[in-house]
PDB file of N, CA and C in Angstrom:
ATOM      1  N   MET A   1       5.986 132.704 122.091  1.00  0.00           N
ATOM      2  CA  MET A   1       7.089 131.960 121.532  1.00  0.00           C
ATOM      3  C   MET A   1       6.660 131.460 120.144  1.00  0.00           C
ATOM      4  N   GLU A   2       7.487 131.745 119.148  1.00  0.00           N
ATOM      5  CA  GLU A   2       7.157 131.302 117.797  1.00  0.00           C
ATOM      6  C   GLU A   2       7.390 129.796 117.659  1.00  0.00           C
ATOM      7  N   ILE A   3       6.522 129.138 116.897  1.00  0.00           N
ATOM      8  CA  ILE A   3       6.658 127.708 116.606  1.00  0.00           C
ATOM      9  C   ILE A   3       7.339 127.611 115.242  1.00  0.00           C
ATOM     10  N   PRO A   4       8.616 127.235 115.213  1.00  0.00           N
ATOM     11  CA  PRO A   4       9.345 127.224 113.948  1.00  0.00           C
ATOM     12  C   PRO A   4       9.128 125.947 113.143  1.00  0.00           C
ATOM     13  N   GLU A   5       9.342 126.063 111.845  1.00  0.00           N
ATOM     14  CA  GLU A   5       9.445 124.921 110.945  1.00  0.00           C
ATOM     15  C   GLU A   5       8.247 123.976 110.929  1.00  0.00           C
ATOM     16  N   VAL A   6       7.048 124.506 111.087  1.00  0.00           N
ATOM     17  CA  VAL A   6       5.862 123.655 110.976  1.00  0.00           C
ATOM     18  C   VAL A   6       5.192 123.906 109.631  1.00  0.00           C
ATOM     19  N   CYS A   7       4.923 125.170 109.317  1.00  0.00           N
ATOM     20  CA  CYS A   7       4.274 125.537 108.060  1.00  0.00           C
ATOM     21  C   CYS A   7       4.954 126.784 107.501  1.00  0.00           C
ATOM     22  N   LYS A   8       5.532 126.671 106.330  1.00  0.00           N
ATOM     23  CA  LYS A   8       6.185 127.826 105.705  1.00  0.00           C
ATOM     24  C   LYS A   8       5.151 128.877 105.331  1.00  0.00           C
ATOM     25  N   GLY A   9       5.505 130.135 105.574  1.00  0.00           N
ATOM     26  CA  GLY A   9       4.626 131.240 105.214  1.00  0.00           C
ATOM     27  C   GLY A   9       3.579 131.575 106.263  1.00  0.00           C
ATOM     28  N   PHE A  10       3.550 130.843 107.371  1.00  0.00           N
ATOM     29  CA  PHE A  10       2.599 131.100 108.443  1.00  0.00           C
ATOM     30  C   PHE A  10       3.357 131.580 109.674  1.00  0.00           C
ATOM     31  N   HIS A  11       2.783 132.527 110.390  1.00  0.00           N
ATOM     32  CA  HIS A  11       3.366 133.015 111.633  1.00  0.00           C
ATOM     33  C   HIS A  11       2.615 132.349 112.785  1.00  0.00           C
ATOM     34  N   LEU A  12       3.188 131.254 113.289  1.00  0.00           N
ATOM     35  CA  LEU A  12       2.541 130.440 114.318  1.00  0.00           C
ATOM     36  C   LEU A  12       3.221 130.655 115.660  1.00  0.00           C
ATOM     37  N   TYR A  13       2.410 130.782 116.710  1.00  0.00           N
ATOM     38  CA  TYR A  13       2.931 131.067 118.038  1.00  0.00           C
ATOM     39  C   TYR A  13       2.277 130.183 119.083  1.00  0.00           C
ATOM     40  N   LYS A  14       3.001 130.006 120.193  1.00  0.00           N
ATOM     41  CA  LYS A  14       2.496 129.275 121.354  1.00  0.00           C
ATOM     42  C   LYS A  14       2.619 130.204 122.556  1.00  0.00           C
ATOM     43  N   VAL A  15       1.544 130.349 123.316  1.00  0.00           N
ATOM     44  CA  VAL A  15       1.569 131.148 124.533  1.00  0.00           C
ATOM     45  C   VAL A  15       1.872 130.198 125.684  1.00  0.00           C
ATOM     46  N   LEU A  16       2.942 130.503 126.419  1.00  0.00           N
ATOM     47  CA  LEU A  16       3.382 129.672 127.532  1.00  0.00           C
ATOM     48  C   LEU A  16       2.942 130.281 128.857  1.00  0.00           C
ATOM     49  N   LYS A  17       2.861 129.445 129.868  1.00  0.00           N
ATOM     50  CA  LYS A  17       2.595 129.891 131.243  1.00  0.00           C
ATOM     51  C   LYS A  17       1.338 130.725 131.364  1.00  0.00           C
ATOM     52  N   PHE A  18       0.310 130.301 130.718  1.00  0.00           N
ATOM     53  CA  PHE A  18      -0.996 130.942 130.805  1.00  0.00           C
ATOM     54  C   PHE A  18      -1.681 130.352 132.027  1.00  0.00           C
ATOM     55  N   ALA A  19      -1.771 131.109 133.110  1.00  0.00           N
ATOM     56  CA  ALA A  19      -2.248 130.599 134.393  1.00  0.00           C
ATOM     57  C   ALA A  19      -3.760 130.368 134.395  1.00  0.00           C
ATOM     58  N   CYS A  20      -4.176 129.404 135.185  1.00  0.00           N
ATOM     59  CA  CYS A  20      -5.592 129.099 135.360  1.00  0.00           C
ATOM     60  C   CYS A  20      -5.845 128.897 136.850  1.00  0.00           C
ATOM     61  N   LYS A  21      -6.677 129.740 137.451  1.00  0.00           N
ATOM     62  CA  LYS A  21      -6.915 129.673 138.901  1.00  0.00           C
ATOM     63  C   LYS A  21      -7.460 128.323 139.348  1.00  0.00           C
ATOM     64  N   SER A  22      -8.270 127.682 138.541  1.00  0.00           N
ATOM     65  CA  SER A  22      -8.843 126.400 138.945  1.00  0.00           C
ATOM     66  C   SER A  22      -7.796 125.281 138.978  1.00  0.00           C
ATOM     67  N   LEU A  23      -6.634 125.508 138.370  1.00  0.00           N
ATOM     68  CA  LEU A  23      -5.558 124.517 138.369  1.00  0.00           C
ATOM     69  C   LEU A  23      -4.439 124.897 139.338  1.00  0.00           C
ATOM     70  N   LYS A  24      -4.651 125.935 140.135  1.00  0.00           N
ATOM     71  CA  LYS A  24      -3.623 126.435 141.049  1.00  0.00           C
ATOM     72  C   LYS A  24      -3.161 125.347 142.025  1.00  0.00           C
ATOM     73  N   GLY A  25      -1.867 125.328 142.290  1.00  0.00           N
ATOM     74  CA  GLY A  25      -1.313 124.399 143.265  1.00  0.00           C
ATOM     75  C   GLY A  25      -0.949 123.042 142.704  1.00  0.00           C
ATOM     76  N   ARG A  26      -0.900 122.913 141.398  1.00  0.00           N
ATOM     77  CA  ARG A  26      -0.576 121.621 140.798  1.00  0.00           C
ATOM     78  C   ARG A  26       0.862 121.565 140.295  1.00  0.00           C
ATOM     79  N   GLY A  27       1.700 122.490 140.747  1.00  0.00           N
ATOM     80  CA  GLY A  27       3.118 122.462 140.398  1.00  0.00           C
ATOM     81  C   GLY A  27       3.420 123.045 139.035  1.00  0.00           C
ATOM     82  N   VAL A  28       4.600 122.692 138.501  1.00  0.00           N
ATOM     83  CA  VAL A  28       5.054 123.270 137.241  1.00  0.00           C
ATOM     84  C   VAL A  28       4.207 122.835 136.057  1.00  0.00           C
ATOM     85  N   ASN A  29       3.456 121.770 136.174  1.00  0.00           N
ATOM     86  CA  ASN A  29       2.607 121.297 135.083  1.00  0.00           C
ATOM     87  C   ASN A  29       1.191 121.850 135.151  1.00  0.00           C
ATOM     88  N   SER A  30       1.017 122.970 135.847  1.00  0.00           N
ATOM     89  CA  SER A  30      -0.336 123.470 136.067  1.00  0.00           C
ATOM     90  C   SER A  30      -0.731 124.600 135.119  1.00  0.00           C
ATOM     91  N   GLY A  31      -0.127 124.698 133.974  1.00  0.00           N
ATOM     92  CA  GLY A  31      -0.455 125.777 133.053  1.00  0.00           C
ATOM     93  C   GLY A  31      -1.248 125.327 131.853  1.00  0.00           C
ATOM     94  N   ILE A  32      -1.910 126.297 131.255  1.00  0.00           N
ATOM     95  CA  ILE A  32      -2.629 126.079 130.018  1.00  0.00           C
ATOM     96  C   ILE A  32      -1.821 126.766 128.925  1.00  0.00           C
ATOM     97  N   ARG A  33      -1.733 126.135 127.783  1.00  0.00           N
ATOM     98  CA  ARG A  33      -1.034 126.716 126.644  1.00  0.00           C
ATOM     99  C   ARG A  33      -1.989 126.776 125.470  1.00  0.00           C
ATOM    100  N   PHE A  34      -1.772 127.748 124.607  1.00  0.00           N
ATOM    101  CA  PHE A  34      -2.561 127.759 123.384  1.00  0.00           C
ATOM    102  C   PHE A  34      -1.707 128.209 122.211  1.00  0.00           C
ATOM    103  N   THR A  35      -2.112 127.774 121.039  1.00  0.00           N
ATOM    104  CA  THR A  35      -1.410 128.107 119.808  1.00  0.00           C
ATOM    105  C   THR A  35      -2.332 128.931 118.919  1.00  0.00           C
ATOM    106  N   TYR A  36      -1.711 129.813 118.144  1.00  0.00           N
ATOM    107  CA  TYR A  36      -2.478 130.654 117.231  1.00  0.00           C
ATOM    108  C   TYR A  36      -1.612 131.064 116.052  1.00  0.00           C
ATOM    109  N   GLU A  37      -2.281 131.513 115.009  1.00  0.00           N
ATOM    110  CA  GLU A  37      -1.596 132.087 113.852  1.00  0.00           C
ATOM    111  C   GLU A  37      -1.843 133.578 113.880  1.00  0.00           C
ATOM    112  N   TYR A  38      -0.804 134.365 113.655  1.00  0.00           N
ATOM    113  CA  TYR A  38      -0.973 135.803 113.495  1.00  0.00           C
ATOM    114  C   TYR A  38      -0.996 136.111 112.003  1.00  0.00           C
ATOM    115  N   VAL A  39      -2.097 136.701 111.549  1.00  0.00           N
ATOM    116  CA  VAL A  39      -2.265 137.054 110.134  1.00  0.00           C
ATOM    117  C   VAL A  39      -2.047 138.560 110.022  1.00  0.00           C
ATOM    118  N   ALA A  40      -0.826 138.944 109.661  1.00  0.00           N
ATOM    119  CA  ALA A  40      -0.424 140.355 109.665  1.00  0.00           C
ATOM    120  C   ALA A  40      -1.264 141.214 108.724  1.00  0.00           C
ATOM    121  N   GLU A  41      -1.508 140.727 107.501  1.00  0.00           N
ATOM    122  CA  GLU A  41      -2.234 141.540 106.526  1.00  0.00           C
ATOM    123  C   GLU A  41      -3.676 141.814 106.940  1.00  0.00           C
ATOM    124  N   GLU A  42      -4.207 141.028 107.867  1.00  0.00           N
ATOM    125  CA  GLU A  42      -5.567 141.237 108.359  1.00  0.00           C
ATOM    126  C   GLU A  42      -5.576 141.738 109.804  1.00  0.00           C
ATOM    127  N   SER A  43      -4.384 141.891 110.402  1.00  0.00           N
ATOM    128  CA  SER A  43      -4.230 142.327 111.801  1.00  0.00           C
ATOM    129  C   SER A  43      -5.107 141.511 112.743  1.00  0.00           C
ATOM    130  N   LYS A  44      -4.989 140.174 112.633  1.00  0.00           N
ATOM    131  CA  LYS A  44      -5.802 139.331 113.510  1.00  0.00           C
ATOM    132  C   LYS A  44      -5.029 138.085 113.936  1.00  0.00           C
ATOM    133  N   ALA A  45      -5.465 137.526 115.039  1.00  0.00           N
ATOM    134  CA  ALA A  45      -4.917 136.265 115.537  1.00  0.00           C
ATOM    135  C   ALA A  45      -6.004 135.205 115.389  1.00  0.00           C
ATOM    136  N   VAL A  46      -5.619 134.036 114.871  1.00  0.00           N
ATOM    137  CA  VAL A  46      -6.562 132.937 114.658  1.00  0.00           C
ATOM    138  C   VAL A  46      -6.220 131.818 115.637  1.00  0.00           C
ATOM    139  N   PHE A  47      -7.154 131.506 116.515  1.00  0.00           N
ATOM    140  CA  PHE A  47      -6.974 130.443 117.495  1.00  0.00           C
ATOM    141  C   PHE A  47      -6.855 129.100 116.795  1.00  0.00           C
ATOM    142  N   ILE A  48      -5.873 128.271 117.232  1.00  0.00           N
ATOM    143  CA  ILE A  48      -5.700 126.940 116.656  1.00  0.00           C
ATOM    144  C   ILE A  48      -5.956 125.856 117.691  1.00  0.00           C
ATOM    145  N   GLU A  49      -5.327 125.966 118.859  1.00  0.00           N
ATOM    146  CA  GLU A  49      -5.386 124.864 119.825  1.00  0.00           C
ATOM    147  C   GLU A  49      -5.172 125.380 121.244  1.00  0.00           C
ATOM    148  N   ILE A  50      -5.818 124.724 122.197  1.00  0.00           N
ATOM    149  CA  ILE A  50      -5.571 124.974 123.616  1.00  0.00           C
ATOM    150  C   ILE A  50      -5.373 123.614 124.279  1.00  0.00           C
ATOM    151  N   TYR A  51      -4.419 123.547 125.225  1.00  0.00           N
ATOM    152  CA  TYR A  51      -4.176 122.276 125.908  1.00  0.00           C
ATOM    153  C   TYR A  51      -3.577 122.515 127.288  1.00  0.00           C
ATOM    154  N   PHE A  52      -3.763 121.538 128.153  1.00  0.00           N
ATOM    155  CA  PHE A  52      -3.254 121.559 129.516  1.00  0.00           C
ATOM    156  C   PHE A  52      -1.867 120.932 129.507  1.00  0.00           C
ATOM    157  N   LYS A  53      -0.886 121.668 129.984  1.00  0.00           N
ATOM    158  CA  LYS A  53       0.496 121.197 129.948  1.00  0.00           C
ATOM    159  C   LYS A  53       0.680 119.900 130.728  1.00  0.00           C
ATOM    160  N   GLY A  54      -0.122 119.682 131.743  1.00  0.00           N
ATOM    161  CA  GLY A  54      -0.033 118.448 132.516  1.00  0.00           C
ATOM    162  C   GLY A  54      -0.445 117.216 131.729  1.00  0.00           C
ATOM    163  N   ASP A  55      -1.245 117.411 130.667  1.00  0.00           N
ATOM    164  CA  ASP A  55      -1.697 116.287 129.837  1.00  0.00           C
ATOM    165  C   ASP A  55      -0.786 116.022 128.646  1.00  0.00           C
ATOM    166  N   LYS A  56      -0.211 117.080 128.098  1.00  0.00           N
ATOM    167  CA  LYS A  56       0.723 116.891 126.976  1.00  0.00           C
ATOM    168  C   LYS A  56       1.729 118.034 126.981  1.00  0.00           C
ATOM    169  N   GLU A  57       2.952 117.693 126.656  1.00  0.00           N
ATOM    170  CA  GLU A  57       4.055 118.648 126.758  1.00  0.00           C
ATOM    171  C   GLU A  57       4.084 119.666 125.624  1.00  0.00           C
ATOM    172  N   ASN A  58       3.774 119.225 124.390  1.00  0.00           N
ATOM    173  CA  ASN A  58       3.900 120.102 123.227  1.00  0.00           C
ATOM    174  C   ASN A  58       2.616 120.161 122.416  1.00  0.00           C
ATOM    175  N   GLU A  59       2.585 121.148 121.543  1.00  0.00           N
ATOM    176  CA  GLU A  59       1.449 121.342 120.652  1.00  0.00           C
ATOM    177  C   GLU A  59       1.307 120.167 119.685  1.00  0.00           C
ATOM    178  N   ASP A  60       0.120 120.046 119.103  1.00  0.00           N
ATOM    179  CA  ASP A  60      -0.173 118.989 118.127  1.00  0.00           C
ATOM    180  C   ASP A  60       0.304 119.456 116.753  1.00  0.00           C
ATOM    181  N   ARG A  61       1.532 119.125 116.410  1.00  0.00           N
ATOM    182  CA  ARG A  61       2.117 119.604 115.144  1.00  0.00           C
ATOM    183  C   ARG A  61       1.387 119.058 113.923  1.00  0.00           C
ATOM    184  N   GLU A  62       0.907 117.838 113.990  1.00  0.00           N
ATOM    185  CA  GLU A  62       0.144 117.282 112.866  1.00  0.00           C
ATOM    186  C   GLU A  62      -1.166 118.043 112.690  1.00  0.00           C
ATOM    187  N   GLY A  63      -1.811 118.377 113.795  1.00  0.00           N
ATOM    188  CA  GLY A  63      -3.036 119.176 113.733  1.00  0.00           C
ATOM    189  C   GLY A  63      -2.780 120.561 113.171  1.00  0.00           C
ATOM    190  N   ILE A  64      -1.652 121.148 113.528  1.00  0.00           N
ATOM    191  CA  ILE A  64      -1.290 122.467 113.003  1.00  0.00           C
ATOM    192  C   ILE A  64      -1.021 122.383 111.504  1.00  0.00           C
ATOM    193  N   LYS A  65      -0.377 121.311 111.064  1.00  0.00           N
ATOM    194  CA  LYS A  65      -0.135 121.131 109.624  1.00  0.00           C
ATOM    195  C   LYS A  65      -1.454 121.010 108.859  1.00  0.00           C
ATOM    196  N   ARG A  66      -2.428 120.292 109.451  1.00  0.00           N
ATOM    197  CA  ARG A  66      -3.753 120.182 108.810  1.00  0.00           C
ATOM    198  C   ARG A  66      -4.414 121.560 108.728  1.00  0.00           C
ATOM    199  N   TYR A  67      -4.278 122.345 109.800  1.00  0.00           N
ATOM    200  CA  TYR A  67      -4.821 123.705 109.807  1.00  0.00           C
ATOM    201  C   TYR A  67      -4.196 124.530 108.683  1.00  0.00           C
ATOM    202  N   CYS A  68      -2.879 124.455 108.520  1.00  0.00           N
ATOM    203  CA  CYS A  68      -2.178 125.223 107.479  1.00  0.00           C
ATOM    204  C   CYS A  68      -2.648 124.817 106.090  1.00  0.00           C
ATOM    205  N   LYS A  69      -2.848 123.523 105.873  1.00  0.00           N
ATOM    206  CA  LYS A  69      -3.341 123.047 104.571  1.00  0.00           C
ATOM    207  C   LYS A  69      -4.743 123.601 104.310  1.00  0.00           C
ATOM    208  N   PHE A  70      -5.585 123.608 105.344  1.00  0.00           N
ATOM    209  CA  PHE A  70      -6.945 124.148 105.223  1.00  0.00           C
ATOM    210  C   PHE A  70      -6.889 125.632 104.891  1.00  0.00           C
ATOM    211  N   ARG A  71      -6.074 126.394 105.630  1.00  0.00           N
ATOM    212  CA  ARG A  71      -5.960 127.845 105.405  1.00  0.00           C
ATOM    213  C   ARG A  71      -5.390 128.142 104.025  1.00  0.00           C
ATOM    214  N   HIS A  72      -4.427 127.336 103.583  1.00  0.00           N
ATOM    215  CA  HIS A  72      -3.821 127.559 102.269  1.00  0.00           C
ATOM    216  C   HIS A  72      -4.867 127.351 101.170  1.00  0.00           C
ATOM    217  N   GLY A  73      -5.746 126.403 101.379  1.00  0.00           N
ATOM    218  CA  GLY A  73      -6.811 126.154 100.420  1.00  0.00           C
ATOM    219  C   GLY A  73      -7.795 127.300 100.323  1.00  0.00           C
ATOM    220  N   GLU A  74      -7.958 128.054 101.440  1.00  0.00           N
ATOM    221  CA  GLU A  74      -8.889 129.185 101.461  1.00  0.00           C
ATOM    222  C   GLU A  74      -8.338 130.409 100.746  1.00  0.00           C
ATOM    223  N   LYS A  75      -7.017 130.561 100.706  1.00  0.00           N
ATOM    224  CA  LYS A  75      -6.404 131.781 100.170  1.00  0.00           C
ATOM    225  C   LYS A  75      -6.522 131.883  98.673  1.00  0.00           C
TER     226      LYS A  75
END
């Protein structure tokens, strides 16, 4: 699932319903999610964040914005 409107010019995604056997049986909040940037010109995915859905519902948008500022500085 694409994460819209966080950083212009970046292709940011969130992977939903990533199962974890050690968390099995904890209901609908038992998934792990992670966010990444897809860098098309380099054909690579850059890991940004991983989190347990039971601890927080959404990605850290402020952290993602800091990541985008860092990456923009590198380009």
